[in-house]
Amino acid sequence: MNDRYYVSRHVQQRRSKIIVSVILLAGSIILLMPLWWMISTSLKSMDEIMQYPPTFYPHEVHWENYIEAWHTAPFTRYTLNTLLICAFSVAGSVLSNSFVGYGFAKIHFRGRETFMSVVLATMIIPGFVTLIPQYVLFSKLGWVNTYLPLIIPPFFGSAFFIFMFRQFYMTIPNELVEAAKIDGANHFYIWFWLMLPMVKPVLATVAIFSFNGAWNDLIGPLLYLNDEMKYTLQIGLQNFRGLVQTQWHYLMAASTLVLLPVLTIFFVFQRYFIEGMNLTAGMKG
């Protein structure tokens, strides 16, 4: 009787795994369809793109679309501009949010929870609400047509990133901080030399989010940059969109090239990214 029960249970578990695998596979195919369509379109000619019914894969592969798309505009310059903004954004986000998160997690002061609630409350404010006040402020500072409006705000922190760091720091025993204080260390030393090495997963997660946000940002550069030589990649992609016709094969080719760094960074650091979503992983650092 027991043998039949274990066999039946094993069969049920195996069926459950098969069903879950099929569902995950179907979901993956659906999610990857836009990516495949973008890559497929980037390798087609304009005539094939416009024909009906549409083709699922290119009948004739046109690799030259990538070369011609890249040379249509100064994309090399756009790439350097975007990397510069991303570098400052990642550095500012990691340093500022990790430091503020440490303060909310390990430094006891009056009104700490109230201040943390206020910080979290700012997350409900839509970003578009602050666009006009920010533009007026940066305009009065003379920062329009410079990279400063794009690289300075990350140094002032983000409510979501502060919350992530705070929750991660709270998984680390307070005894480590107290022991460091007894040895004469101040909070800045404890944060930089003791805490940061222990929260590598959340550091990588914040860095990935910050890089992705700066890399894909269109509204910010479009609002503050007027000089074409200061444009970013997202603005450069608009060169293929015309009033009469959009050059879809060049647009998709350039979009594929722009997407590659984001995918590469995610796959390289995906282990840290997944650990960063686990708020109990602080003790494993």
Protein backbone atom coordinates (compact mmCIF):
# COMPACT_ATOMS: atom_id res chain seq x y z
CA MET A 1 0.00 0.00 0.00
CA ASN A 2 2.82 2.34 0.91
CA ASP A 3 4.63 1.53 -2.33
CA ARG A 4 1.53 2.45 -4.33
CA TYR A 5 1.18 5.69 -2.38
CA TYR A 6 4.80 6.75 -3.01
CA VAL A 7 4.57 5.77 -6.70
CA SER A 8 1.34 7.75 -7.09
CA ARG A 9 2.88 10.74 -5.28
CA HIS A 10 5.97 10.56 -7.47
CA VAL A 11 3.82 10.49 -10.61
CA GLN A 12 1.81 13.51 -9.40
CA GLN A 13 4.98 15.46 -8.63
CA ARG A 14 6.39 14.59 -12.05
CA ARG A 15 3.17 15.70 -13.77
CA SER A 16 3.21 18.95 -11.78
CA LYS A 17 6.79 19.65 -12.86
CA ILE A 18 5.91 18.94 -16.50
CA ILE A 19 2.89 21.26 -16.35
CA VAL A 20 4.93 24.03 -14.71
CA SER A 21 7.71 23.58 -17.27
CA VAL A 22 5.23 23.79 -20.15
CA ILE A 23 3.65 26.95 -18.71
CA LEU A 24 7.07 28.57 -18.18
CA LEU A 25 8.16 27.60 -21.70
CA ALA A 26 4.99 29.05 -23.22
CA GLY A 27 5.41 32.24 -21.19
CA SER A 28 9.05 32.54 -22.25
CA ILE A 29 8.13 32.19 -25.91
CA ILE A 30 5.47 34.88 -25.60
CA LEU A 31 7.88 37.25 -23.83
CA LEU A 32 10.66 36.60 -26.36
CA MET A 33 8.44 37.16 -29.40
CA PRO A 34 8.94 40.98 -29.48
CA LEU A 35 12.71 40.46 -29.24
CA TRP A 36 12.65 37.96 -32.10
CA TRP A 37 10.45 40.27 -34.20
CA MET A 38 12.88 43.16 -33.65
CA ILE A 39 15.90 41.08 -34.68
CA SER A 40 14.05 39.57 -37.62
CA THR A 41 12.91 42.99 -38.85
CA SER A 42 16.46 44.34 -38.54
CA LEU A 43 17.63 41.76 -41.07
CA LYS A 44 14.92 42.38 -43.68
CA SER A 45 14.74 44.79 -46.56
CA MET A 46 12.21 47.60 -46.47
CA ASP A 47 10.18 45.96 -49.23
CA GLU A 48 9.89 42.72 -47.27
CA ILE A 49 8.90 44.59 -44.12
CA MET A 50 6.03 46.31 -45.95
CA GLN A 51 4.68 43.23 -47.70
CA TYR A 52 1.48 41.55 -46.52
CA PRO A 53 1.12 39.07 -44.93
CA PRO A 54 4.25 39.75 -42.87
CA THR A 55 7.04 37.17 -42.83
CA PHE A 56 8.15 35.56 -39.58
CA TYR A 57 11.80 35.43 -40.61
CA PRO A 58 13.79 37.24 -43.34
CA HIS A 59 13.84 35.51 -46.70
CA GLU A 60 17.07 37.31 -47.49
CA VAL A 61 19.35 38.34 -44.63
CA HIS A 62 20.69 41.91 -44.83
CA TRP A 63 23.53 42.23 -42.34
CA GLU A 64 24.47 45.53 -43.93
CA ASN A 65 21.46 47.11 -42.20
CA TYR A 66 23.49 47.25 -38.98
CA ILE A 67 26.44 49.00 -40.61
CA GLU A 68 24.30 51.48 -42.50
CA ALA A 69 22.15 52.20 -39.44
CA TRP A 70 25.22 52.88 -37.30
CA HIS A 71 26.65 55.32 -39.86
CA THR A 72 23.37 57.14 -40.46
CA ALA A 73 24.07 59.31 -37.39
CA PRO A 74 27.13 59.76 -35.12
CA PHE A 75 26.17 56.76 -32.98
CA THR A 76 29.72 56.31 -31.72
CA ARG A 77 29.51 59.79 -30.19
CA TYR A 78 26.05 59.05 -28.85
CA THR A 79 27.37 55.87 -27.22
CA LEU A 80 30.18 57.73 -25.46
CA ASN A 81 27.74 60.37 -24.24
CA THR A 82 25.37 57.73 -22.92
CA LEU A 83 28.17 55.80 -21.18
CA LEU A 84 29.32 59.00 -19.48
CA ILE A 85 25.85 59.66 -18.11
CA CYS A 86 25.45 56.00 -17.06
CA ALA A 87 28.79 55.98 -15.22
CA PHE A 88 27.88 59.01 -13.10
CA SER A 89 24.33 57.75 -12.54
CA VAL A 90 25.51 54.35 -11.30
CA ALA A 91 28.20 55.87 -9.06
CA GLY A 92 25.78 58.42 -7.62
CA SER A 93 23.02 55.89 -7.01
CA VAL A 94 25.26 53.32 -5.36
CA LEU A 95 27.09 55.77 -3.08
CA SER A 96 24.20 57.99 -2.01
CA ASN A 97 21.55 55.30 -1.51
CA SER A 98 23.86 52.90 0.31
CA PHE A 99 24.97 55.66 2.69
CA VAL A 100 21.44 56.90 3.43
CA GLY A 101 20.17 53.34 3.77
CA TYR A 102 22.91 52.63 6.30
CA GLY A 103 21.84 55.66 8.32
CA PHE A 104 18.20 54.55 8.46
CA ALA A 105 19.17 50.97 9.37
CA LYS A 106 22.05 51.30 11.83
CA ILE A 107 21.99 54.83 13.29
CA HIS A 108 19.36 55.45 15.97
CA PHE A 109 18.01 59.00 16.07
CA ARG A 110 14.74 60.64 17.01
CA GLY A 111 12.11 60.45 14.28
CA ARG A 112 13.96 57.84 12.24
CA GLU A 113 10.84 55.87 11.35
CA THR A 114 8.91 59.06 10.56
CA PHE A 115 11.62 60.26 8.18
CA MET A 116 11.72 56.83 6.56
CA SER A 117 7.95 56.95 6.06
CA VAL A 118 8.25 60.37 4.41
CA VAL A 119 10.97 59.03 2.09
CA LEU A 120 8.77 56.08 1.10
CA ALA A 121 5.79 58.39 0.62
CA THR A 122 7.67 60.20 -2.15
CA MET A 123 7.39 57.03 -4.25
CA ILE A 124 3.70 57.78 -4.91
CA ILE A 125 4.56 61.08 -6.63
CA PRO A 126 4.59 60.56 -10.43
CA GLY A 127 7.86 61.55 -12.06
CA PHE A 128 6.10 63.73 -14.64
CA VAL A 129 4.75 65.96 -11.86
CA THR A 130 8.26 67.14 -11.01
CA LEU A 131 9.45 67.67 -14.60
CA ILE A 132 8.45 71.34 -14.84
CA PRO A 133 9.78 72.38 -11.39
CA GLN A 134 13.02 70.56 -12.09
CA TYR A 135 13.39 72.19 -15.48
CA VAL A 136 12.79 75.65 -13.99
CA LEU A 137 15.37 74.97 -11.27
CA PHE A 138 18.04 73.65 -13.64
CA SER A 139 17.33 76.45 -16.10
CA LYS A 140 17.94 79.08 -13.40
CA LEU A 141 21.17 77.28 -12.49
CA GLY A 142 22.27 77.44 -16.13
CA TRP A 143 22.43 73.67 -16.48
CA VAL A 144 20.29 73.36 -19.63
CA ASN A 145 22.21 71.84 -22.56
CA THR A 146 24.65 70.21 -20.14
CA TYR A 147 24.80 66.75 -18.61
CA LEU A 148 24.44 68.08 -15.06
CA PRO A 149 20.61 67.65 -14.85
CA LEU A 150 21.12 64.01 -15.84
CA ILE A 151 24.06 63.09 -13.57
CA ILE A 152 23.52 65.19 -10.41
CA PRO A 153 20.04 63.95 -9.28
CA PRO A 154 21.22 60.34 -8.71
CA PHE A 155 23.62 61.65 -6.05
CA PHE A 156 20.59 62.73 -3.98
CA GLY A 157 19.17 59.25 -3.61
CA SER A 158 16.06 57.32 -4.60
CA ALA A 159 13.34 56.18 -2.19
CA PHE A 160 13.17 52.68 -3.67
CA PHE A 161 16.94 52.15 -3.59
CA ILE A 162 17.19 53.56 -0.05
CA PHE A 163 14.52 51.10 1.06
CA MET A 164 16.37 48.20 -0.57
CA PHE A 165 19.64 49.07 1.16
CA ARG A 166 17.92 49.66 4.49
CA GLN A 167 16.22 46.26 4.43
CA PHE A 168 19.50 44.58 3.48
CA TYR A 169 21.45 46.35 6.23
CA MET A 170 18.84 45.32 8.81
CA THR A 171 19.67 41.65 8.18
CA ILE A 172 23.23 42.31 9.40
CA PRO A 173 23.62 41.94 13.21
CA ASN A 174 24.05 45.20 15.12
CA GLU A 175 26.81 43.54 17.13
CA LEU A 176 29.17 44.02 14.18
CA VAL A 177 28.58 47.77 14.26
CA GLU A 178 29.00 47.93 18.03
CA ALA A 179 32.24 45.94 17.84
CA ALA A 180 33.58 48.31 15.19
CA LYS A 181 32.66 51.31 17.38
CA ILE A 182 34.55 49.79 20.32
CA ASP A 183 37.60 49.54 18.06
CA GLY A 184 37.31 53.27 17.38
CA ALA A 185 35.65 53.21 13.93
CA ASN A 186 33.21 55.95 12.97
CA HIS A 187 30.03 55.45 10.96
CA PHE A 188 31.63 56.48 7.68
CA TYR A 189 34.40 53.87 8.13
CA ILE A 190 31.87 51.21 9.17
CA TRP A 191 29.67 51.94 6.15
CA PHE A 192 32.44 51.94 3.57
CA TRP A 193 34.79 49.23 4.83
CA LEU A 194 32.48 46.92 6.79
CA MET A 195 28.99 47.17 5.34
CA LEU A 196 29.50 47.66 1.61
CA PRO A 197 31.48 44.42 1.13
CA MET A 198 28.63 42.55 2.83
CA VAL A 199 25.88 43.89 0.55
CA LYS A 200 27.37 43.12 -2.86
CA PRO A 201 24.11 41.60 -4.20
CA VAL A 202 22.08 44.75 -3.54
CA LEU A 203 24.95 46.91 -4.84
CA ALA A 204 24.82 44.98 -8.11
CA THR A 205 21.02 45.22 -8.22
CA VAL A 206 21.01 48.99 -7.73
CA ALA A 207 23.84 49.37 -10.26
CA ILE A 208 21.89 47.37 -12.86
CA PHE A 209 18.68 49.33 -12.27
CA SER A 210 20.56 52.64 -12.42
CA PHE A 211 22.43 51.71 -15.58
CA ASN A 212 19.26 50.49 -17.25
CA GLY A 213 17.37 53.65 -16.28
CA ALA A 214 20.10 56.00 -17.53
CA TRP A 215 20.73 53.95 -20.70
CA ASN A 216 17.06 53.90 -21.71
CA ASP A 217 16.21 57.43 -20.59
CA LEU A 218 14.64 59.48 -23.39
CA ILE A 219 12.67 62.22 -21.60
CA GLY A 220 15.65 63.63 -19.66
CA PRO A 221 18.09 64.04 -22.59
CA LEU A 222 15.26 65.21 -24.86
CA LEU A 223 14.30 67.88 -22.33
CA TYR A 224 17.73 69.23 -21.40
CA LEU A 225 20.03 68.63 -24.37
CA ASN A 226 19.95 70.89 -27.44
CA ASP A 227 23.36 70.25 -29.00
CA GLU A 228 23.32 67.27 -31.39
CA MET A 229 26.85 66.25 -30.37
CA LYS A 230 25.59 65.81 -26.78
CA TYR A 231 22.68 63.55 -27.74
CA THR A 232 22.31 60.07 -26.28
CA LEU A 233 21.48 56.82 -28.04
CA GLN A 234 17.77 57.03 -27.30
CA ILE A 235 17.55 60.40 -29.06
CA GLY A 236 19.71 59.05 -31.88
CA LEU A 237 17.15 56.32 -32.58
CA GLN A 238 14.64 59.01 -33.50
CA ASN A 239 16.69 59.78 -36.62
CA PHE A 240 15.02 56.85 -38.35
CA ARG A 241 11.50 58.14 -37.70
CA GLY A 242 10.34 60.54 -40.40
CA LEU A 243 7.18 62.53 -40.99
CA VAL A 244 6.31 60.44 -44.05
CA GLN A 245 7.99 57.08 -43.53
CA THR A 246 9.92 55.28 -40.79
CA GLN A 247 13.02 53.32 -41.79
CA TRP A 248 12.03 50.25 -39.83
CA HIS A 249 14.96 48.05 -40.88
CA TYR A 250 17.50 50.64 -39.70
CA LEU A 251 15.50 51.49 -36.58
CA MET A 252 15.29 47.83 -35.53
CA ALA A 253 18.97 47.25 -36.31
CA ALA A 254 20.04 50.23 -34.22
CA SER A 255 17.61 49.23 -31.43
CA THR A 256 19.13 45.75 -31.35
CA LEU A 257 22.62 47.19 -30.97
CA VAL A 258 21.44 49.55 -28.23
CA LEU A 259 19.79 46.65 -26.39
CA LEU A 260 22.87 44.40 -26.40
CA PRO A 261 24.77 46.10 -23.51
CA VAL A 262 21.72 45.91 -21.24
CA LEU A 263 21.22 42.21 -21.94
CA THR A 264 24.94 41.50 -21.51
CA ILE A 265 25.11 43.24 -18.14
CA PHE A 266 22.01 41.43 -16.90
CA PHE A 267 23.26 37.97 -17.88
CA VAL A 268 26.72 38.61 -16.44
CA PHE A 269 25.39 39.87 -13.10
CA GLN A 270 22.14 37.94 -12.91
CA ARG A 271 23.33 35.91 -9.90
CA TYR A 272 23.87 39.09 -7.89
CA PHE A 273 20.63 40.53 -9.23
CA ILE A 274 18.61 37.54 -8.00
CA GLU A 275 20.36 37.63 -4.62
CA GLY A 276 19.66 41.35 -4.40
CA MET A 277 15.94 40.61 -4.55
CA ASN A 278 16.35 38.31 -1.54
CA LEU A 279 16.35 40.58 1.52
CA THR A 280 17.75 37.77 3.70
CA ALA A 281 20.91 37.42 1.62
CA GLY A 282 22.78 40.03 3.63
CA MET A 283 24.21 37.40 5.94
CA LYS A 284 25.64 35.53 2.94
CA GLY A 285 27.75 38.48 1.81
